[in-house]
Amino acid sequence: MPERVNKKFRKVDSAEVQGEGSWIIIRKVGFEIVRGQNVDDLKDADQNIELAYEATKTVLYEWNWVDDEGNPLPQPKDDPEVFDELTVEEQLFILHAAEFDKLGDLVADSKK
């Protein structure tokens, strides 16, 4: 039976920003996300705050995160604007978990 090697969704431990037992599910970057974007710009998304903001909101799918009072945050797939309620540390964690930096290498490999 075939099994997808490069799964579309990836669960990432987020203990460093939300405590033990926390996680996020990131949707892999696909052409629907990168179309119209310069791959090199996405590769350096952490240097372009507007691009990073939009791209990261697009790939964040699900989590078990809470607010300062311990109340569950809305699921990002249902309410992408919840991203605005996060701390900078949490937003940057998601940006790096999305692995935008690997895009340039993937595109270069595809041209070989």
N, C-alpha and C. Protein backbone atom coordinates (compact mmCIF):
# COMPACT_ATOMS: atom_id res chain seq x y z
N MET A 1 0.85 -1.18 0.00
CA MET A 1 0.00 0.00 0.00
C MET A 1 0.89 1.24 0.00
N PRO A 2 0.68 2.17 -0.90
CA PRO A 2 1.47 3.40 -0.92
C PRO A 2 1.27 4.22 0.36
N GLU A 3 2.31 4.94 0.71
CA GLU A 3 2.22 5.86 1.85
C GLU A 3 2.93 7.14 1.47
N ARG A 4 2.25 8.25 1.67
CA ARG A 4 2.82 9.55 1.32
C ARG A 4 4.08 9.79 2.15
N VAL A 5 5.19 10.02 1.48
CA VAL A 5 6.47 10.25 2.15
C VAL A 5 6.53 11.68 2.70
N ASN A 6 6.15 12.63 1.87
CA ASN A 6 6.15 14.04 2.28
C ASN A 6 4.73 14.43 2.65
N LYS A 7 4.37 14.13 3.88
CA LYS A 7 3.01 14.36 4.34
C LYS A 7 2.67 15.85 4.31
N LYS A 8 1.40 16.15 4.05
CA LYS A 8 0.95 17.53 3.93
C LYS A 8 0.93 18.25 5.28
N PHE A 9 0.69 17.51 6.35
CA PHE A 9 0.62 18.11 7.67
C PHE A 9 1.70 17.51 8.56
N ARG A 10 2.27 18.37 9.40
CA ARG A 10 3.36 17.94 10.28
C ARG A 10 3.11 18.50 11.68
N LYS A 11 3.18 17.64 12.67
CA LYS A 11 2.99 18.06 14.06
C LYS A 11 4.34 18.44 14.65
N VAL A 12 4.39 19.61 15.29
CA VAL A 12 5.63 20.13 15.85
C VAL A 12 5.44 20.40 17.34
N ASP A 13 6.35 19.88 18.15
CA ASP A 13 6.33 20.15 19.58
C ASP A 13 6.62 21.63 19.81
N SER A 14 5.80 22.29 20.61
CA SER A 14 5.97 23.73 20.84
C SER A 14 6.21 24.06 22.30
N ALA A 15 6.80 23.11 23.04
CA ALA A 15 7.04 23.30 24.47
C ALA A 15 7.85 24.55 24.77
N GLU A 16 8.74 24.93 23.88
CA GLU A 16 9.59 26.09 24.16
C GLU A 16 8.83 27.41 24.23
N VAL A 17 7.63 27.47 23.65
CA VAL A 17 6.87 28.72 23.70
C VAL A 17 5.51 28.57 24.39
N GLN A 18 5.00 27.33 24.53
CA GLN A 18 3.68 27.14 25.14
C GLN A 18 3.68 26.11 26.27
N GLY A 19 4.84 25.60 26.61
CA GLY A 19 4.92 24.66 27.72
C GLY A 19 4.78 23.21 27.30
N GLU A 20 5.10 22.34 28.26
CA GLU A 20 5.12 20.90 28.00
C GLU A 20 3.76 20.40 27.53
N GLY A 21 3.81 19.54 26.51
CA GLY A 21 2.59 18.94 25.98
C GLY A 21 1.93 19.76 24.87
N SER A 22 2.46 20.94 24.60
CA SER A 22 1.86 21.76 23.55
C SER A 22 2.41 21.38 22.18
N TRP A 23 1.61 21.66 21.15
CA TRP A 23 2.00 21.32 19.78
C TRP A 23 1.26 22.22 18.80
N ILE A 24 1.80 22.25 17.58
CA ILE A 24 1.11 22.90 16.47
C ILE A 24 1.14 21.93 15.29
N ILE A 25 0.19 22.08 14.40
CA ILE A 25 0.21 21.33 13.15
C ILE A 25 0.39 22.35 12.03
N ILE A 26 1.45 22.13 11.28
CA ILE A 26 1.83 23.00 10.17
C ILE A 26 1.47 22.31 8.86
N ARG A 27 0.86 23.06 7.96
CA ARG A 27 0.59 22.55 6.62
C ARG A 27 1.81 22.82 5.77
N LYS A 28 2.28 21.81 5.07
CA LYS A 28 3.45 21.97 4.20
C LYS A 28 3.20 23.04 3.17
N VAL A 29 4.23 23.77 2.84
CA VAL A 29 4.15 24.79 1.82
C VAL A 29 4.00 24.12 0.46
N GLY A 30 3.03 24.56 -0.31
CA GLY A 30 2.81 24.04 -1.66
C GLY A 30 2.74 25.20 -2.64
N PHE A 31 2.58 24.87 -3.89
CA PHE A 31 2.53 25.92 -4.92
C PHE A 31 1.38 26.89 -4.70
N GLU A 32 0.30 26.43 -4.07
CA GLU A 32 -0.81 27.34 -3.82
C GLU A 32 -0.42 28.47 -2.87
N ILE A 33 0.62 28.24 -2.08
CA ILE A 33 1.11 29.26 -1.15
C ILE A 33 2.18 30.13 -1.80
N VAL A 34 3.05 29.51 -2.58
CA VAL A 34 4.20 30.24 -3.11
C VAL A 34 3.96 30.89 -4.47
N ARG A 35 2.86 30.56 -5.12
CA ARG A 35 2.62 31.18 -6.43
C ARG A 35 2.59 32.69 -6.28
N GLY A 36 3.24 33.35 -7.19
CA GLY A 36 3.30 34.80 -7.13
C GLY A 36 4.35 35.33 -6.16
N GLN A 37 5.05 34.43 -5.46
CA GLN A 37 6.09 34.85 -4.53
C GLN A 37 7.44 34.45 -5.09
N ASN A 38 8.41 35.28 -4.87
CA ASN A 38 9.78 34.92 -5.19
C ASN A 38 10.24 33.93 -4.12
N VAL A 39 10.67 32.75 -4.53
CA VAL A 39 11.08 31.72 -3.58
C VAL A 39 12.19 32.23 -2.67
N ASP A 40 13.10 33.03 -3.22
CA ASP A 40 14.17 33.57 -2.38
C ASP A 40 13.61 34.49 -1.30
N ASP A 41 12.54 35.22 -1.62
CA ASP A 41 11.90 36.06 -0.60
C ASP A 41 11.30 35.20 0.50
N LEU A 42 10.66 34.09 0.13
CA LEU A 42 10.10 33.20 1.14
C LEU A 42 11.20 32.53 1.95
N LYS A 43 12.29 32.19 1.28
CA LYS A 43 13.42 31.56 1.97
C LYS A 43 13.92 32.48 3.08
N ASP A 44 13.90 33.78 2.84
CA ASP A 44 14.34 34.76 3.84
C ASP A 44 13.16 35.47 4.48
N ALA A 45 12.05 34.75 4.66
CA ALA A 45 10.82 35.35 5.16
C ALA A 45 11.00 36.03 6.51
N ASP A 46 11.91 35.53 7.34
CA ASP A 46 12.09 36.17 8.64
C ASP A 46 12.73 37.55 8.51
N GLN A 47 13.21 37.92 7.33
CA GLN A 47 13.78 39.24 7.10
C GLN A 47 12.75 40.20 6.49
N ASN A 48 11.62 39.67 6.04
CA ASN A 48 10.57 40.46 5.42
C ASN A 48 9.31 40.25 6.25
N ILE A 49 9.03 41.15 7.18
CA ILE A 49 7.99 40.93 8.18
C ILE A 49 6.61 40.77 7.56
N GLU A 50 6.28 41.53 6.53
CA GLU A 50 4.95 41.42 5.92
C GLU A 50 4.77 40.06 5.24
N LEU A 51 5.77 39.64 4.51
CA LEU A 51 5.73 38.34 3.85
C LEU A 51 5.67 37.22 4.89
N ALA A 52 6.48 37.33 5.92
CA ALA A 52 6.51 36.33 6.98
C ALA A 52 5.14 36.23 7.65
N TYR A 53 4.54 37.37 7.92
CA TYR A 53 3.23 37.42 8.57
C TYR A 53 2.17 36.68 7.74
N GLU A 54 2.07 37.02 6.47
CA GLU A 54 1.06 36.40 5.61
C GLU A 54 1.34 34.92 5.36
N ALA A 55 2.57 34.58 5.08
CA ALA A 55 2.92 33.19 4.78
C ALA A 55 2.70 32.30 5.99
N THR A 56 3.07 32.78 7.16
CA THR A 56 2.96 31.96 8.37
C THR A 56 1.50 31.73 8.73
N LYS A 57 0.66 32.75 8.58
CA LYS A 57 -0.78 32.58 8.83
C LYS A 57 -1.37 31.53 7.90
N THR A 58 -0.82 31.41 6.71
CA THR A 58 -1.35 30.48 5.72
C THR A 58 -1.05 29.03 6.06
N VAL A 59 0.10 28.75 6.66
CA VAL A 59 0.49 27.36 6.92
C VAL A 59 0.11 26.86 8.31
N LEU A 60 -0.22 27.76 9.22
CA LEU A 60 -0.62 27.34 10.57
C LEU A 60 -2.01 26.72 10.50
N TYR A 61 -2.14 25.47 10.93
CA TYR A 61 -3.39 24.75 10.74
C TYR A 61 -4.15 24.50 12.05
N GLU A 62 -3.46 23.93 13.02
CA GLU A 62 -4.13 23.51 14.24
C GLU A 62 -3.14 23.56 15.40
N TRP A 63 -3.66 23.61 16.63
CA TRP A 63 -2.80 23.61 17.81
C TRP A 63 -3.60 23.30 19.06
N ASN A 64 -2.89 23.21 20.18
CA ASN A 64 -3.55 23.09 21.48
C ASN A 64 -3.09 24.23 22.39
N TRP A 65 -2.88 25.39 21.81
CA TRP A 65 -2.35 26.54 22.55
C TRP A 65 -3.43 27.25 23.37
N VAL A 66 -2.93 27.97 24.39
CA VAL A 66 -3.82 28.69 25.30
C VAL A 66 -3.38 30.15 25.43
N ASP A 67 -4.29 30.98 25.96
CA ASP A 67 -3.96 32.38 26.20
C ASP A 67 -3.34 32.53 27.59
N ASP A 68 -3.14 33.76 28.04
CA ASP A 68 -2.49 34.01 29.33
C ASP A 68 -3.26 33.44 30.52
N GLU A 69 -4.57 33.28 30.37
CA GLU A 69 -5.39 32.74 31.46
C GLU A 69 -5.57 31.23 31.36
N GLY A 70 -4.95 30.61 30.36
CA GLY A 70 -5.06 29.16 30.20
C GLY A 70 -6.27 28.72 29.39
N ASN A 71 -6.97 29.68 28.76
CA ASN A 71 -8.12 29.34 27.93
C ASN A 71 -7.64 28.94 26.53
N PRO A 72 -8.25 27.90 25.96
CA PRO A 72 -7.84 27.48 24.61
C PRO A 72 -8.04 28.61 23.59
N LEU A 73 -7.04 28.78 22.74
CA LEU A 73 -7.16 29.74 21.64
C LEU A 73 -7.98 29.10 20.52
N PRO A 74 -8.69 29.91 19.73
CA PRO A 74 -9.42 29.35 18.58
C PRO A 74 -8.44 28.66 17.62
N GLN A 75 -8.93 27.67 16.91
CA GLN A 75 -8.09 26.96 15.95
C GLN A 75 -7.76 27.88 14.78
N PRO A 76 -6.49 27.97 14.40
CA PRO A 76 -6.09 28.86 13.31
C PRO A 76 -6.74 28.53 11.97
N LYS A 77 -7.08 27.27 11.73
CA LYS A 77 -7.74 26.92 10.47
C LYS A 77 -9.14 27.53 10.41
N ASP A 78 -9.74 27.79 11.57
CA ASP A 78 -11.07 28.38 11.63
C ASP A 78 -11.03 29.90 11.77
N ASP A 79 -9.94 30.40 12.38
CA ASP A 79 -9.82 31.84 12.64
C ASP A 79 -8.36 32.27 12.48
N PRO A 80 -7.90 32.50 11.23
CA PRO A 80 -6.50 32.86 11.00
C PRO A 80 -6.08 34.14 11.72
N GLU A 81 -7.03 34.99 12.07
CA GLU A 81 -6.69 36.23 12.75
C GLU A 81 -6.21 36.00 14.18
N VAL A 82 -6.39 34.79 14.72
CA VAL A 82 -5.90 34.48 16.06
C VAL A 82 -4.39 34.63 16.12
N PHE A 83 -3.73 34.52 14.96
CA PHE A 83 -2.29 34.70 14.87
C PHE A 83 -1.88 36.05 15.45
N ASP A 84 -2.73 37.06 15.31
CA ASP A 84 -2.44 38.41 15.81
C ASP A 84 -2.40 38.47 17.34
N GLU A 85 -3.00 37.49 18.00
CA GLU A 85 -3.04 37.47 19.46
C GLU A 85 -1.79 36.85 20.08
N LEU A 86 -0.91 36.31 19.25
CA LEU A 86 0.28 35.64 19.76
C LEU A 86 1.39 36.62 20.09
N THR A 87 2.30 36.18 20.92
CA THR A 87 3.50 36.97 21.21
C THR A 87 4.46 36.86 20.02
N VAL A 88 5.40 37.77 19.94
CA VAL A 88 6.39 37.72 18.87
C VAL A 88 7.16 36.41 18.93
N GLU A 89 7.48 35.94 20.12
CA GLU A 89 8.21 34.68 20.27
C GLU A 89 7.41 33.52 19.68
N GLU A 90 6.10 33.51 19.93
CA GLU A 90 5.26 32.45 19.40
C GLU A 90 5.16 32.54 17.87
N GLN A 91 5.00 33.76 17.36
CA GLN A 91 4.92 33.95 15.91
C GLN A 91 6.22 33.51 15.23
N LEU A 92 7.36 33.88 15.79
CA LEU A 92 8.64 33.47 15.20
C LEU A 92 8.85 31.96 15.29
N PHE A 93 8.37 31.35 16.35
CA PHE A 93 8.45 29.90 16.48
C PHE A 93 7.72 29.24 15.31
N ILE A 94 6.51 29.71 15.00
CA ILE A 94 5.71 29.17 13.91
C ILE A 94 6.41 29.41 12.57
N LEU A 95 6.96 30.59 12.39
CA LEU A 95 7.68 30.92 11.16
C LEU A 95 8.81 29.92 10.91
N HIS A 96 9.59 29.64 11.92
CA HIS A 96 10.71 28.70 11.77
C HIS A 96 10.22 27.26 11.62
N ALA A 97 9.13 26.92 12.30
CA ALA A 97 8.57 25.57 12.18
C ALA A 97 8.05 25.31 10.77
N ALA A 98 7.65 26.36 10.07
CA ALA A 98 7.13 26.21 8.70
C ALA A 98 8.22 25.86 7.70
N GLU A 99 9.47 26.04 8.07
CA GLU A 99 10.63 25.66 7.25
C GLU A 99 10.65 26.34 5.88
N PHE A 100 10.31 27.61 5.83
CA PHE A 100 10.38 28.36 4.58
C PHE A 100 11.81 28.37 4.04
N ASP A 101 12.79 28.28 4.92
CA ASP A 101 14.19 28.32 4.50
C ASP A 101 14.57 27.16 3.59
N LYS A 102 13.79 26.08 3.60
CA LYS A 102 14.09 24.91 2.76
C LYS A 102 13.58 25.08 1.32
N LEU A 103 12.75 26.09 1.07
CA LEU A 103 12.16 26.24 -0.26
C LEU A 103 13.18 26.47 -1.35
N GLY A 104 14.16 27.33 -1.10
CA GLY A 104 15.16 27.59 -2.10
C GLY A 104 15.90 26.34 -2.52
N ASP A 105 16.24 25.49 -1.55
CA ASP A 105 16.94 24.24 -1.85
C ASP A 105 16.05 23.31 -2.68
N LEU A 106 14.74 23.24 -2.34
CA LEU A 106 13.85 22.37 -3.09
C LEU A 106 13.73 22.81 -4.54
N VAL A 107 13.62 24.12 -4.74
CA VAL A 107 13.50 24.63 -6.11
C VAL A 107 14.80 24.39 -6.88
N ALA A 108 15.93 24.62 -6.24
CA ALA A 108 17.22 24.38 -6.90
C ALA A 108 17.37 22.92 -7.28
N ASP A 109 16.98 22.02 -6.39
CA ASP A 109 17.07 20.58 -6.68
C ASP A 109 16.16 20.19 -7.84
N SER A 110 15.00 20.83 -7.94
CA SER A 110 14.06 20.48 -9.01
C SER A 110 14.55 20.92 -10.38
N LYS A 111 15.50 21.85 -10.41
CA LYS A 111 16.02 22.35 -11.69
C LYS A 111 17.20 21.54 -12.19
N LYS A 112 17.68 20.58 -11.41
CA LYS A 112 18.84 19.78 -11.80
C LYS A 112 18.47 18.76 -12.85
